[in-house]
Amino acid sequence: MMGFIADTVKKATFWTYPRTSWQWDVLCVLILVFIFLTPKSWFENSERRGYLAHQSPAVTAVLVGAELIENAQDKAEVEQVVRTLTGRNDVQVLKVRKVVDKDGKTRGYEVDIR
């Protein structure tokens, strides 16, 4: 009896089962269960929550649909739309470029923000 238990523990530890065995299938199911049913909170580190953004502000381009901006020259309006889209309150609009299709119709605006 002890030899059977020791042999089973040794096989499970060093995983000597072939890929076509039921043990391999059970392992795959356990891995999938772990991946899909593990709570997200197990992988969160509470110490890093405030430091998700990069420390030095970089220029980023945001594509905004033409229907959202009435006057692209109005920097305050563009900033408000970009703040709503990005969820950031500290957005600074650096440059607004019109994006047009091959027919010359305005499709949107590419906004450089910091």
PDB file of N, CA and C in Angstrom:
ATOM      1  N   MET A   1       0.826  -1.197   0.000  1.00  0.00           N
ATOM      2  CA  MET A   1       0.000   0.000   0.000  1.00  0.00           C
ATOM      3  C   MET A   1       0.870   1.261   0.000  1.00  0.00           C
ATOM      4  N   MET A   2       1.901   1.293   0.846  1.00  0.00           N
ATOM      5  CA  MET A   2       2.787   2.462   0.898  1.00  0.00           C
ATOM      6  C   MET A   2       3.564   2.617  -0.400  1.00  0.00           C
ATOM      7  N   GLY A   3       3.899   1.490  -1.037  1.00  0.00           N
ATOM      8  CA  GLY A   3       4.609   1.550  -2.314  1.00  0.00           C
ATOM      9  C   GLY A   3       3.737   2.170  -3.400  1.00  0.00           C
ATOM     10  N   PHE A   4       2.438   1.860  -3.389  1.00  0.00           N
ATOM     11  CA  PHE A   4       1.502   2.425  -4.357  1.00  0.00           C
ATOM     12  C   PHE A   4       1.368   3.928  -4.173  1.00  0.00           C
ATOM     13  N   ILE A   5       1.254   4.372  -2.920  1.00  0.00           N
ATOM     14  CA  ILE A   5       1.121   5.803  -2.625  1.00  0.00           C
ATOM     15  C   ILE A   5       2.405   6.535  -2.995  1.00  0.00           C
ATOM     16  N   ALA A   6       3.542   5.964  -2.632  1.00  0.00           N
ATOM     17  CA  ALA A   6       4.821   6.595  -2.953  1.00  0.00           C
ATOM     18  C   ALA A   6       5.021   6.666  -4.462  1.00  0.00           C
ATOM     19  N   ASP A   7       4.627   5.606  -5.173  1.00  0.00           N
ATOM     20  CA  ASP A   7       4.752   5.582  -6.625  1.00  0.00           C
ATOM     21  C   ASP A   7       3.845   6.633  -7.272  1.00  0.00           C
ATOM     22  N   THR A   8       2.621   6.789  -6.771  1.00  0.00           N
ATOM     23  CA  THR A   8       1.678   7.770  -7.296  1.00  0.00           C
ATOM     24  C   THR A   8       2.180   9.190  -7.045  1.00  0.00           C
ATOM     25  N   VAL A   9       2.709   9.455  -5.858  1.00  0.00           N
ATOM     26  CA  VAL A   9       3.251  10.777  -5.536  1.00  0.00           C
ATOM     27  C   VAL A   9       4.453  11.075  -6.429  1.00  0.00           C
ATOM     28  N   LYS A  10       5.307  10.076  -6.646  1.00  0.00           N
ATOM     29  CA  LYS A  10       6.482  10.261  -7.501  1.00  0.00           C
ATOM     30  C   LYS A  10       6.047  10.564  -8.939  1.00  0.00           C
ATOM     31  N   LYS A  11       5.052   9.825  -9.458  1.00  0.00           N
ATOM     32  CA  LYS A  11       4.568  10.064 -10.825  1.00  0.00           C
ATOM     33  C   LYS A  11       3.924  11.447 -10.954  1.00  0.00           C
ATOM     34  N   ALA A  12       3.160  11.846  -9.943  1.00  0.00           N
ATOM     35  CA  ALA A  12       2.504  13.159  -9.998  1.00  0.00           C
ATOM     36  C   ALA A  12       3.514  14.285  -9.872  1.00  0.00           C
ATOM     37  N   THR A  13       4.541  14.081  -9.059  1.00  0.00           N
ATOM     38  CA  THR A  13       5.548  15.127  -8.871  1.00  0.00           C
ATOM     39  C   THR A  13       6.390  15.314 -10.122  1.00  0.00           C
ATOM     40  N   PHE A  14       6.850  14.247 -10.718  1.00  0.00           N
ATOM     41  CA  PHE A  14       7.715  14.340 -11.898  1.00  0.00           C
ATOM     42  C   PHE A  14       6.927  14.214 -13.201  1.00  0.00           C
ATOM     43  N   TRP A  15       5.642  14.028 -13.098  1.00  0.00           N
ATOM     44  CA  TRP A  15       4.685  13.947 -14.204  1.00  0.00           C
ATOM     45  C   TRP A  15       5.188  13.022 -15.317  1.00  0.00           C
ATOM     46  N   THR A  16       5.182  11.758 -15.016  1.00  0.00           N
ATOM     47  CA  THR A  16       5.640  10.747 -15.963  1.00  0.00           C
ATOM     48  C   THR A  16       4.495  10.157 -16.772  1.00  0.00           C
ATOM     49  N   TYR A  17       3.319  10.737 -16.698  1.00  0.00           N
ATOM     50  CA  TYR A  17       2.173  10.218 -17.430  1.00  0.00           C
ATOM     51  C   TYR A  17       2.264  10.618 -18.902  1.00  0.00           C
ATOM     52  N   PRO A  18       1.865   9.745 -19.813  1.00  0.00           N
ATOM     53  CA  PRO A  18       1.879  10.104 -21.241  1.00  0.00           C
ATOM     54  C   PRO A  18       0.757  11.096 -21.565  1.00  0.00           C
ATOM     55  N   ARG A  19       0.892  11.786 -22.682  1.00  0.00           N
ATOM     56  CA  ARG A  19      -0.074  12.821 -23.068  1.00  0.00           C
ATOM     57  C   ARG A  19      -1.451  12.256 -23.385  1.00  0.00           C
ATOM     58  N   THR A  20      -1.532  11.008 -23.726  1.00  0.00           N
ATOM     59  CA  THR A  20      -2.817  10.425 -24.102  1.00  0.00           C
ATOM     60  C   THR A  20      -3.534   9.766 -22.925  1.00  0.00           C
ATOM     61  N   SER A  21      -3.055   9.987 -21.716  1.00  0.00           N
ATOM     62  CA  SER A  21      -3.664   9.344 -20.552  1.00  0.00           C
ATOM     63  C   SER A  21      -4.741  10.238 -19.943  1.00  0.00           C
ATOM     64  N   TRP A  22      -5.580   9.653 -19.104  1.00  0.00           N
ATOM     65  CA  TRP A  22      -6.628  10.415 -18.441  1.00  0.00           C
ATOM     66  C   TRP A  22      -6.039  11.381 -17.418  1.00  0.00           C
ATOM     67  N   GLN A  23      -4.866  11.050 -16.882  1.00  0.00           N
ATOM     68  CA  GLN A  23      -4.225  11.953 -15.928  1.00  0.00           C
ATOM     69  C   GLN A  23      -3.844  13.278 -16.612  1.00  0.00           C
ATOM     70  N   TRP A  24      -3.385  13.170 -17.851  1.00  0.00           N
ATOM     71  CA  TRP A  24      -3.017  14.376 -18.606  1.00  0.00           C
ATOM     72  C   TRP A  24      -4.264  15.235 -18.853  1.00  0.00           C
ATOM     73  N   ASP A  25      -5.368  14.593 -19.181  1.00  0.00           N
ATOM     74  CA  ASP A  25      -6.623  15.319 -19.403  1.00  0.00           C
ATOM     75  C   ASP A  25      -7.084  16.025 -18.132  1.00  0.00           C
ATOM     76  N   VAL A  26      -6.951  15.350 -17.010  1.00  0.00           N
ATOM     77  CA  VAL A  26      -7.336  15.959 -15.730  1.00  0.00           C
ATOM     78  C   VAL A  26      -6.456  17.174 -15.447  1.00  0.00           C
ATOM     79  N   LEU A  27      -5.155  17.066 -15.713  1.00  0.00           N
ATOM     80  CA  LEU A  27      -4.256  18.207 -15.500  1.00  0.00           C
ATOM     81  C   LEU A  27      -4.661  19.384 -16.382  1.00  0.00           C
ATOM     82  N   CYS A  28      -4.971  19.129 -17.633  1.00  0.00           N
ATOM     83  CA  CYS A  28      -5.388  20.211 -18.541  1.00  0.00           C
ATOM     84  C   CYS A  28      -6.677  20.872 -18.061  1.00  0.00           C
ATOM     85  N   VAL A  29      -7.623  20.080 -17.600  1.00  0.00           N
ATOM     86  CA  VAL A  29      -8.870  20.639 -17.076  1.00  0.00           C
ATOM     87  C   VAL A  29      -8.589  21.476 -15.833  1.00  0.00           C
ATOM     88  N   LEU A  30      -7.729  21.005 -14.961  1.00  0.00           N
ATOM     89  CA  LEU A  30      -7.384  21.778 -13.757  1.00  0.00           C
ATOM     90  C   LEU A  30      -6.713  23.103 -14.112  1.00  0.00           C
ATOM     91  N   ILE A  31      -5.855  23.088 -15.116  1.00  0.00           N
ATOM     92  CA  ILE A  31      -5.205  24.331 -15.545  1.00  0.00           C
ATOM     93  C   ILE A  31      -6.245  25.310 -16.091  1.00  0.00           C
ATOM     94  N   LEU A  32      -7.167  24.827 -16.918  1.00  0.00           N
ATOM     95  CA  LEU A  32      -8.207  25.703 -17.463  1.00  0.00           C
ATOM     96  C   LEU A  32      -9.124  26.245 -16.375  1.00  0.00           C
ATOM     97  N   VAL A  33      -9.461  25.398 -15.406  1.00  0.00           N
ATOM     98  CA  VAL A  33     -10.290  25.855 -14.287  1.00  0.00           C
ATOM     99  C   VAL A  33      -9.558  26.949 -13.524  1.00  0.00           C
ATOM    100  N   PHE A  34      -8.270  26.769 -13.295  1.00  0.00           N
ATOM    101  CA  PHE A  34      -7.488  27.789 -12.600  1.00  0.00           C
ATOM    102  C   PHE A  34      -7.463  29.100 -13.382  1.00  0.00           C
ATOM    103  N   ILE A  35      -7.257  29.016 -14.689  1.00  0.00           N
ATOM    104  CA  ILE A  35      -7.168  30.227 -15.516  1.00  0.00           C
ATOM    105  C   ILE A  35      -8.489  30.997 -15.509  1.00  0.00           C
ATOM    106  N   PHE A  36      -9.608  30.309 -15.703  1.00  0.00           N
ATOM    107  CA  PHE A  36     -10.877  31.000 -15.894  1.00  0.00           C
ATOM    108  C   PHE A  36     -11.648  31.273 -14.608  1.00  0.00           C
ATOM    109  N   LEU A  37     -11.357  30.568 -13.534  1.00  0.00           N
ATOM    110  CA  LEU A  37     -12.133  30.758 -12.317  1.00  0.00           C
ATOM    111  C   LEU A  37     -11.362  31.427 -11.183  1.00  0.00           C
ATOM    112  N   THR A  38     -10.099  31.761 -11.406  1.00  0.00           N
ATOM    113  CA  THR A  38      -9.321  32.435 -10.376  1.00  0.00           C
ATOM    114  C   THR A  38      -9.774  33.887 -10.270  1.00  0.00           C
ATOM    115  N   PRO A  39     -10.091  34.370  -9.074  1.00  0.00           N
ATOM    116  CA  PRO A  39     -10.508  35.766  -8.921  1.00  0.00           C
ATOM    117  C   PRO A  39      -9.365  36.725  -9.274  1.00  0.00           C
ATOM    118  N   LYS A  40      -9.728  37.815  -9.911  1.00  0.00           N
ATOM    119  CA  LYS A  40      -8.739  38.817 -10.314  1.00  0.00           C
ATOM    120  C   LYS A  40      -8.019  39.395  -9.091  1.00  0.00           C
ATOM    121  N   SER A  41      -8.703  39.462  -7.985  1.00  0.00           N
ATOM    122  CA  SER A  41      -8.119  40.058  -6.781  1.00  0.00           C
ATOM    123  C   SER A  41      -6.914  39.277  -6.275  1.00  0.00           C
ATOM    124  N   TRP A  42      -6.773  38.017  -6.633  1.00  0.00           N
ATOM    125  CA  TRP A  42      -5.610  37.238  -6.201  1.00  0.00           C
ATOM    126  C   TRP A  42      -4.321  37.779  -6.808  1.00  0.00           C
ATOM    127  N   PHE A  43      -4.424  38.449  -7.942  1.00  0.00           N
ATOM    128  CA  PHE A  43      -3.243  38.912  -8.653  1.00  0.00           C
ATOM    129  C   PHE A  43      -3.019  40.414  -8.531  1.00  0.00           C
ATOM    130  N   GLU A  44      -3.842  41.100  -7.768  1.00  0.00           N
ATOM    131  CA  GLU A  44      -3.669  42.533  -7.581  1.00  0.00           C
ATOM    132  C   GLU A  44      -2.731  42.784  -6.416  1.00  0.00           C
ATOM    133  N   ASN A  45      -1.889  43.776  -6.598  1.00  0.00           N
ATOM    134  CA  ASN A  45      -0.982  44.181  -5.532  1.00  0.00           C
ATOM    135  C   ASN A  45      -1.431  45.554  -5.071  1.00  0.00           C
ATOM    136  N   SER A  46      -1.915  45.662  -3.869  1.00  0.00           N
ATOM    137  CA  SER A  46      -2.501  46.910  -3.394  1.00  0.00           C
ATOM    138  C   SER A  46      -1.485  48.035  -3.285  1.00  0.00           C
ATOM    139  N   GLU A  47      -0.211  47.735  -3.223  1.00  0.00           N
ATOM    140  CA  GLU A  47       0.815  48.775  -3.101  1.00  0.00           C
ATOM    141  C   GLU A  47       1.005  49.554  -4.393  1.00  0.00           C
ATOM    142  N   ARG A  48       0.661  48.989  -5.548  1.00  0.00           N
ATOM    143  CA  ARG A  48       0.943  49.632  -6.823  1.00  0.00           C
ATOM    144  C   ARG A  48      -0.259  50.316  -7.444  1.00  0.00           C
ATOM    145  N   ARG A  49      -1.367  50.371  -6.790  1.00  0.00           N
ATOM    146  CA  ARG A  49      -2.580  50.910  -7.410  1.00  0.00           C
ATOM    147  C   ARG A  49      -2.444  52.360  -7.843  1.00  0.00           C
ATOM    148  N   GLY A  50      -1.733  53.185  -7.098  1.00  0.00           N
ATOM    149  CA  GLY A  50      -1.619  54.592  -7.437  1.00  0.00           C
ATOM    150  C   GLY A  50      -0.587  54.891  -8.494  1.00  0.00           C
ATOM    151  N   TYR A  51       0.182  53.903  -8.918  1.00  0.00           N
ATOM    152  CA  TYR A  51       1.285  54.150  -9.826  1.00  0.00           C
ATOM    153  C   TYR A  51       1.106  53.458 -11.167  1.00  0.00           C
ATOM    154  N   LEU A  52      -0.114  53.476 -11.700  1.00  0.00           N
ATOM    155  CA  LEU A  52      -0.370  52.800 -12.955  1.00  0.00           C
ATOM    156  C   LEU A  52       0.077  53.618 -14.160  1.00  0.00           C
ATOM    157  N   ALA A  53       0.110  54.933 -14.039  1.00  0.00           N
ATOM    158  CA  ALA A  53       0.517  55.780 -15.150  1.00  0.00           C
ATOM    159  C   ALA A  53       2.030  55.929 -15.173  1.00  0.00           C
ATOM    160  N   HIS A  54       2.547  56.241 -16.332  1.00  0.00           N
ATOM    161  CA  HIS A  54       3.980  56.450 -16.473  1.00  0.00           C
ATOM    162  C   HIS A  54       4.383  57.711 -15.727  1.00  0.00           C
ATOM    163  N   GLN A  55       5.566  57.731 -15.152  1.00  0.00           N
ATOM    164  CA  GLN A  55       5.998  58.842 -14.309  1.00  0.00           C
ATOM    165  C   GLN A  55       6.243  60.125 -15.107  1.00  0.00           C
ATOM    166  N   SER A  56       6.802  60.005 -16.290  1.00  0.00           N
ATOM    167  CA  SER A  56       7.018  61.200 -17.104  1.00  0.00           C
ATOM    168  C   SER A  56       5.928  61.262 -18.171  1.00  0.00           C
ATOM    169  N   PRO A  57       5.227  62.391 -18.263  1.00  0.00           N
ATOM    170  CA  PRO A  57       4.140  62.472 -19.234  1.00  0.00           C
ATOM    171  C   PRO A  57       4.670  62.424 -20.659  1.00  0.00           C
ATOM    172  N   ALA A  58       4.122  61.568 -21.462  1.00  0.00           N
ATOM    173  CA  ALA A  58       4.525  61.431 -22.855  1.00  0.00           C
ATOM    174  C   ALA A  58       3.387  61.900 -23.747  1.00  0.00           C
ATOM    175  N   VAL A  59       3.743  62.249 -24.951  1.00  0.00           N
ATOM    176  CA  VAL A  59       2.739  62.684 -25.910  1.00  0.00           C
ATOM    177  C   VAL A  59       2.055  61.441 -26.470  1.00  0.00           C
ATOM    178  N   THR A  60       0.737  61.476 -26.484  1.00  0.00           N
ATOM    179  CA  THR A  60      -0.071  60.375 -26.991  1.00  0.00           C
ATOM    180  C   THR A  60      -1.070  60.928 -27.984  1.00  0.00           C
ATOM    181  N   ALA A  61      -1.356  60.154 -29.002  1.00  0.00           N
ATOM    182  CA  ALA A  61      -2.347  60.569 -29.999  1.00  0.00           C
ATOM    183  C   ALA A  61      -3.661  59.840 -29.725  1.00  0.00           C
ATOM    184  N   VAL A  62      -4.755  60.585 -29.744  1.00  0.00           N
ATOM    185  CA  VAL A  62      -6.090  60.039 -29.546  1.00  0.00           C
ATOM    186  C   VAL A  62      -6.899  60.348 -30.795  1.00  0.00           C
ATOM    187  N   LEU A  63      -7.596  59.348 -31.311  1.00  0.00           N
ATOM    188  CA  LEU A  63      -8.439  59.547 -32.483  1.00  0.00           C
ATOM    189  C   LEU A  63      -9.863  59.796 -32.015  1.00  0.00           C
ATOM    190  N   VAL A  64     -10.415  60.950 -32.404  1.00  0.00           N
ATOM    191  CA  VAL A  64     -11.754  61.352 -31.980  1.00  0.00           C
ATOM    192  C   VAL A  64     -12.628  61.470 -33.217  1.00  0.00           C
ATOM    193  N   GLY A  65     -13.829  60.929 -33.145  1.00  0.00           N
ATOM    194  CA  GLY A  65     -14.757  60.996 -34.267  1.00  0.00           C
ATOM    195  C   GLY A  65     -15.203  62.420 -34.546  1.00  0.00           C
ATOM    196  N   ALA A  66     -15.470  62.712 -35.796  1.00  0.00           N
ATOM    197  CA  ALA A  66     -15.863  64.065 -36.205  1.00  0.00           C
ATOM    198  C   ALA A  66     -17.192  64.477 -35.590  1.00  0.00           C
ATOM    199  N   GLU A  67     -18.052  63.513 -35.297  1.00  0.00           N
ATOM    200  CA  GLU A  67     -19.362  63.845 -34.730  1.00  0.00           C
ATOM    201  C   GLU A  67     -19.273  64.325 -33.288  1.00  0.00           C
ATOM    202  N   LEU A  68     -18.134  64.091 -32.628  1.00  0.00           N
ATOM    203  CA  LEU A  68     -17.985  64.495 -31.231  1.00  0.00           C
ATOM    204  C   LEU A  68     -17.466  65.919 -31.066  1.00  0.00           C
ATOM    205  N   ILE A  69     -16.847  66.447 -32.092  1.00  0.00           N
ATOM    206  CA  ILE A  69     -16.264  67.793 -32.008  1.00  0.00           C
ATOM    207  C   ILE A  69     -16.942  68.684 -33.040  1.00  0.00           C
ATOM    208  N   GLU A  70     -17.568  69.754 -32.561  1.00  0.00           N
ATOM    209  CA  GLU A  70     -18.224  70.692 -33.471  1.00  0.00           C
ATOM    210  C   GLU A  70     -17.230  71.692 -34.042  1.00  0.00           C
ATOM    211  N   ASN A  71     -16.338  72.203 -33.167  1.00  0.00           N
ATOM    212  CA  ASN A  71     -15.370  73.206 -33.584  1.00  0.00           C
ATOM    213  C   ASN A  71     -13.987  72.742 -33.151  1.00  0.00           C
ATOM    214  N   ALA A  72     -13.185  72.266 -34.095  1.00  0.00           N
ATOM    215  CA  ALA A  72     -11.849  71.763 -33.778  1.00  0.00           C
ATOM    216  C   ALA A  72     -10.895  72.878 -33.362  1.00  0.00           C
ATOM    217  N   GLN A  73     -11.247  74.116 -33.653  1.00  0.00           N
ATOM    218  CA  GLN A  73     -10.395  75.240 -33.264  1.00  0.00           C
ATOM    219  C   GLN A  73     -10.564  75.579 -31.784  1.00  0.00           C
ATOM    220  N   ASP A  74     -11.670  75.174 -31.178  1.00  0.00           N
ATOM    221  CA  ASP A  74     -11.953  75.452 -29.776  1.00  0.00           C
ATOM    222  C   ASP A  74     -11.224  74.421 -28.906  1.00  0.00           C
ATOM    223  N   LYS A  75     -10.093  74.827 -28.362  1.00  0.00           N
ATOM    224  CA  LYS A  75      -9.240  73.916 -27.590  1.00  0.00           C
ATOM    225  C   LYS A  75      -9.953  73.409 -26.333  1.00  0.00           C
ATOM    226  N   ALA A  76     -10.748  74.240 -25.708  1.00  0.00           N
ATOM    227  CA  ALA A  76     -11.472  73.835 -24.497  1.00  0.00           C
ATOM    228  C   ALA A  76     -12.478  72.731 -24.806  1.00  0.00           C
ATOM    229  N   GLU A  77     -13.172  72.863 -25.921  1.00  0.00           N
ATOM    230  CA  GLU A  77     -14.135  71.822 -26.310  1.00  0.00           C
ATOM    231  C   GLU A  77     -13.426  70.507 -26.607  1.00  0.00           C
ATOM    232  N   VAL A  78     -12.312  70.576 -27.326  1.00  0.00           N
ATOM    233  CA  VAL A  78     -11.554  69.369 -27.656  1.00  0.00           C
ATOM    234  C   VAL A  78     -11.035  68.712 -26.382  1.00  0.00           C
ATOM    235  N   GLU A  79     -10.511  69.513 -25.444  1.00  0.00           N
ATOM    236  CA  GLU A  79     -10.027  68.964 -24.170  1.00  0.00           C
ATOM    237  C   GLU A  79     -11.145  68.275 -23.404  1.00  0.00           C
ATOM    238  N   GLN A  80     -12.329  68.864 -23.397  1.00  0.00           N
ATOM    239  CA  GLN A  80     -13.456  68.265 -22.683  1.00  0.00           C
ATOM    240  C   GLN A  80     -13.844  66.921 -23.295  1.00  0.00           C
ATOM    241  N   VAL A  81     -13.871  66.853 -24.615  1.00  0.00           N
ATOM    242  CA  VAL A  81     -14.215  65.595 -25.288  1.00  0.00           C
ATOM    243  C   VAL A  81     -13.156  64.535 -24.999  1.00  0.00           C
ATOM    244  N   VAL A  82     -11.888  64.919 -25.066  1.00  0.00           N
ATOM    245  CA  VAL A  82     -10.801  63.961 -24.808  1.00  0.00           C
ATOM    246  C   VAL A  82     -10.821  63.516 -23.350  1.00  0.00           C
ATOM    247  N   ARG A  83     -11.115  64.413 -22.426  1.00  0.00           N
ATOM    248  CA  ARG A  83     -11.225  64.029 -21.009  1.00  0.00           C
ATOM    249  C   ARG A  83     -12.334  63.002 -20.812  1.00  0.00           C
ATOM    250  N   THR A  84     -13.445  63.201 -21.493  1.00  0.00           N
ATOM    251  CA  THR A  84     -14.553  62.256 -21.391  1.00  0.00           C
ATOM    252  C   THR A  84     -14.167  60.896 -21.966  1.00  0.00           C
ATOM    253  N   LEU A  85     -13.489  60.899 -23.106  1.00  0.00           N
ATOM    254  CA  LEU A  85     -13.111  59.639 -23.750  1.00  0.00           C
ATOM    255  C   LEU A  85     -12.048  58.877 -22.973  1.00  0.00           C
ATOM    256  N   THR A  86     -11.052  59.589 -22.447  1.00  0.00           N
ATOM    257  CA  THR A  86      -9.929  58.915 -21.783  1.00  0.00           C
ATOM    258  C   THR A  86     -10.168  58.694 -20.299  1.00  0.00           C
ATOM    259  N   GLY A  87     -11.056  59.460 -19.699  1.00  0.00           N
ATOM    260  CA  GLY A  87     -11.275  59.334 -18.258  1.00  0.00           C
ATOM    261  C   GLY A  87     -10.194  60.012 -17.444  1.00  0.00           C
ATOM    262  N   ARG A  88      -9.378  60.827 -18.085  1.00  0.00           N
ATOM    263  CA  ARG A  88      -8.301  61.549 -17.395  1.00  0.00           C
ATOM    264  C   ARG A  88      -8.678  63.023 -17.275  1.00  0.00           C
ATOM    265  N   ASN A  89      -8.464  63.581 -16.095  1.00  0.00           N
ATOM    266  CA  ASN A  89      -8.789  64.993 -15.881  1.00  0.00           C
ATOM    267  C   ASN A  89      -7.605  65.917 -16.139  1.00  0.00           C
ATOM    268  N   ASP A  90      -6.408  65.371 -16.278  1.00  0.00           N
ATOM    269  CA  ASP A  90      -5.203  66.187 -16.432  1.00  0.00           C
ATOM    270  C   ASP A  90      -4.724  66.263 -17.882  1.00  0.00           C
ATOM    271  N   VAL A  91      -5.639  66.151 -18.832  1.00  0.00           N
ATOM    272  CA  VAL A  91      -5.277  66.127 -20.251  1.00  0.00           C
ATOM    273  C   VAL A  91      -4.943  67.529 -20.734  1.00  0.00           C
ATOM    274  N   GLN A  92      -3.854  67.625 -21.489  1.00  0.00           N
ATOM    275  CA  GLN A  92      -3.496  68.871 -22.171  1.00  0.00           C
ATOM    276  C   GLN A  92      -3.470  68.577 -23.665  1.00  0.00           C
ATOM    277  N   VAL A  93      -4.240  69.339 -24.430  1.00  0.00           N
ATOM    278  CA  VAL A  93      -4.253  69.163 -25.881  1.00  0.00           C
ATOM    279  C   VAL A  93      -3.090  69.947 -26.462  1.00  0.00           C
ATOM    280  N   LEU A  94      -2.233  69.254 -27.210  1.00  0.00           N
ATOM    281  CA  LEU A  94      -1.084  69.907 -27.822  1.00  0.00           C
ATOM    282  C   LEU A  94      -1.349  70.298 -29.269  1.00  0.00           C
ATOM    283  N   LYS A  95      -1.995  69.389 -30.008  1.00  0.00           N
ATOM    284  CA  LYS A  95      -2.215  69.653 -31.422  1.00  0.00           C
ATOM    285  C   LYS A  95      -3.435  68.864 -31.887  1.00  0.00           C
ATOM    286  N   VAL A  96      -4.188  69.440 -32.822  1.00  0.00           N
ATOM    287  CA  VAL A  96      -5.352  68.775 -33.404  1.00  0.00           C
ATOM    288  C   VAL A  96      -5.144  68.724 -34.916  1.00  0.00           C
ATOM    289  N   ARG A  97      -5.213  67.489 -35.465  1.00  0.00           N
ATOM    290  CA  ARG A  97      -5.074  67.308 -36.905  1.00  0.00           C
ATOM    291  C   ARG A  97      -6.347  66.674 -37.454  1.00  0.00           C
ATOM    292  N   LYS A  98      -6.809  67.207 -38.563  1.00  0.00           N
ATOM    293  CA  LYS A  98      -8.021  66.698 -39.204  1.00  0.00           C
ATOM    294  C   LYS A  98      -7.671  65.421 -39.978  1.00  0.00           C
ATOM    295  N   VAL A  99      -8.506  64.396 -39.841  1.00  0.00           N
ATOM    296  CA  VAL A  99      -8.356  63.157 -40.596  1.00  0.00           C
ATOM    297  C   VAL A  99      -9.453  63.144 -41.651  1.00  0.00           C
ATOM    298  N   VAL A 100      -9.040  63.095 -42.927  1.00  0.00           N
ATOM    299  CA  VAL A 100      -9.997  63.128 -44.028  1.00  0.00           C
ATOM    300  C   VAL A 100      -9.896  61.838 -44.832  1.00  0.00           C
ATOM    301  N   ASP A 101     -11.008  61.461 -45.489  1.00  0.00           N
ATOM    302  CA  ASP A 101     -10.972  60.288 -46.351  1.00  0.00           C
ATOM    303  C   ASP A 101     -10.569  60.718 -47.756  1.00  0.00           C
ATOM    304  N   LYS A 102     -10.583  59.784 -48.681  1.00  0.00           N
ATOM    305  CA  LYS A 102     -10.117  60.081 -50.039  1.00  0.00           C
ATOM    306  C   LYS A 102     -11.013  61.070 -50.771  1.00  0.00           C
ATOM    307  N   ASP A 103     -12.258  61.237 -50.297  1.00  0.00           N
ATOM    308  CA  ASP A 103     -13.174  62.196 -50.906  1.00  0.00           C
ATOM    309  C   ASP A 103     -13.056  63.589 -50.296  1.00  0.00           C
ATOM    310  N   GLY A 104     -12.224  63.739 -49.292  1.00  0.00           N
ATOM    311  CA  GLY A 104     -12.044  65.030 -48.642  1.00  0.00           C
ATOM    312  C   GLY A 104     -12.994  65.269 -47.485  1.00  0.00           C
ATOM    313  N   LYS A 105     -13.806  64.277 -47.146  1.00  0.00           N
ATOM    314  CA  LYS A 105     -14.755  64.414 -46.043  1.00  0.00           C
ATOM    315  C   LYS A 105     -14.033  64.183 -44.718  1.00  0.00           C
ATOM    316  N   THR A 106     -14.316  65.010 -43.738  1.00  0.00           N
ATOM    317  CA  THR A 106     -13.691  64.886 -42.421  1.00  0.00           C
ATOM    318  C   THR A 106     -14.242  63.653 -41.717  1.00  0.00           C
ATOM    319  N   ARG A 107     -13.360  62.711 -41.369  1.00  0.00           N
ATOM    320  CA  ARG A 107     -13.749  61.480 -40.690  1.00  0.00           C
ATOM    321  C   ARG A 107     -13.526  61.568 -39.192  1.00  0.00           C
ATOM    322  N   GLY A 108     -12.629  62.458 -38.771  1.00  0.00           N
ATOM    323  CA  GLY A 108     -12.329  62.585 -37.349  1.00  0.00           C
ATOM    324  C   GLY A 108     -11.156  63.529 -37.150  1.00  0.00           C
ATOM    325  N   TYR A 109     -10.653  63.496 -35.902  1.00  0.00           N
ATOM    326  CA  TYR A 109      -9.525  64.350 -35.559  1.00  0.00           C
ATOM    327  C   TYR A 109      -8.517  63.515 -34.765  1.00  0.00           C
ATOM    328  N   GLU A 110      -7.256  63.714 -35.106  1.00  0.00           N
ATOM    329  CA  GLU A 110      -6.178  63.080 -34.354  1.00  0.00           C
ATOM    330  C   GLU A 110      -5.659  64.148 -33.397  1.00  0.00           C
ATOM    331  N   VAL A 111      -5.791  63.871 -32.101  1.00  0.00           N
ATOM    332  CA  VAL A 111      -5.457  64.863 -31.088  1.00  0.00           C
ATOM    333  C   VAL A 111      -4.234  64.388 -30.315  1.00  0.00           C
ATOM    334  N   ASP A 112      -3.177  65.211 -30.319  1.00  0.00           N
ATOM    335  CA  ASP A 112      -1.989  64.921 -29.507  1.00  0.00           C
ATOM    336  C   ASP A 112      -2.225  65.456 -28.116  1.00  0.00           C
ATOM    337  N   ILE A 113      -2.087  64.591 -27.114  1.00  0.00           N
ATOM    338  CA  ILE A 113      -2.330  65.013 -25.732  1.00  0.00           C
ATOM    339  C   ILE A 113      -1.132  64.669 -24.862  1.00  0.00           C
ATOM    340  N   ARG A 114      -1.084  65.314 -23.741  1.00  0.00           N
ATOM    341  CA  ARG A 114      -0.080  65.006 -22.715  1.00  0.00           C
ATOM    342  C   ARG A 114      -0.788  64.936 -21.413  1.00  0.00           C
TER     343      ARG A 114
END
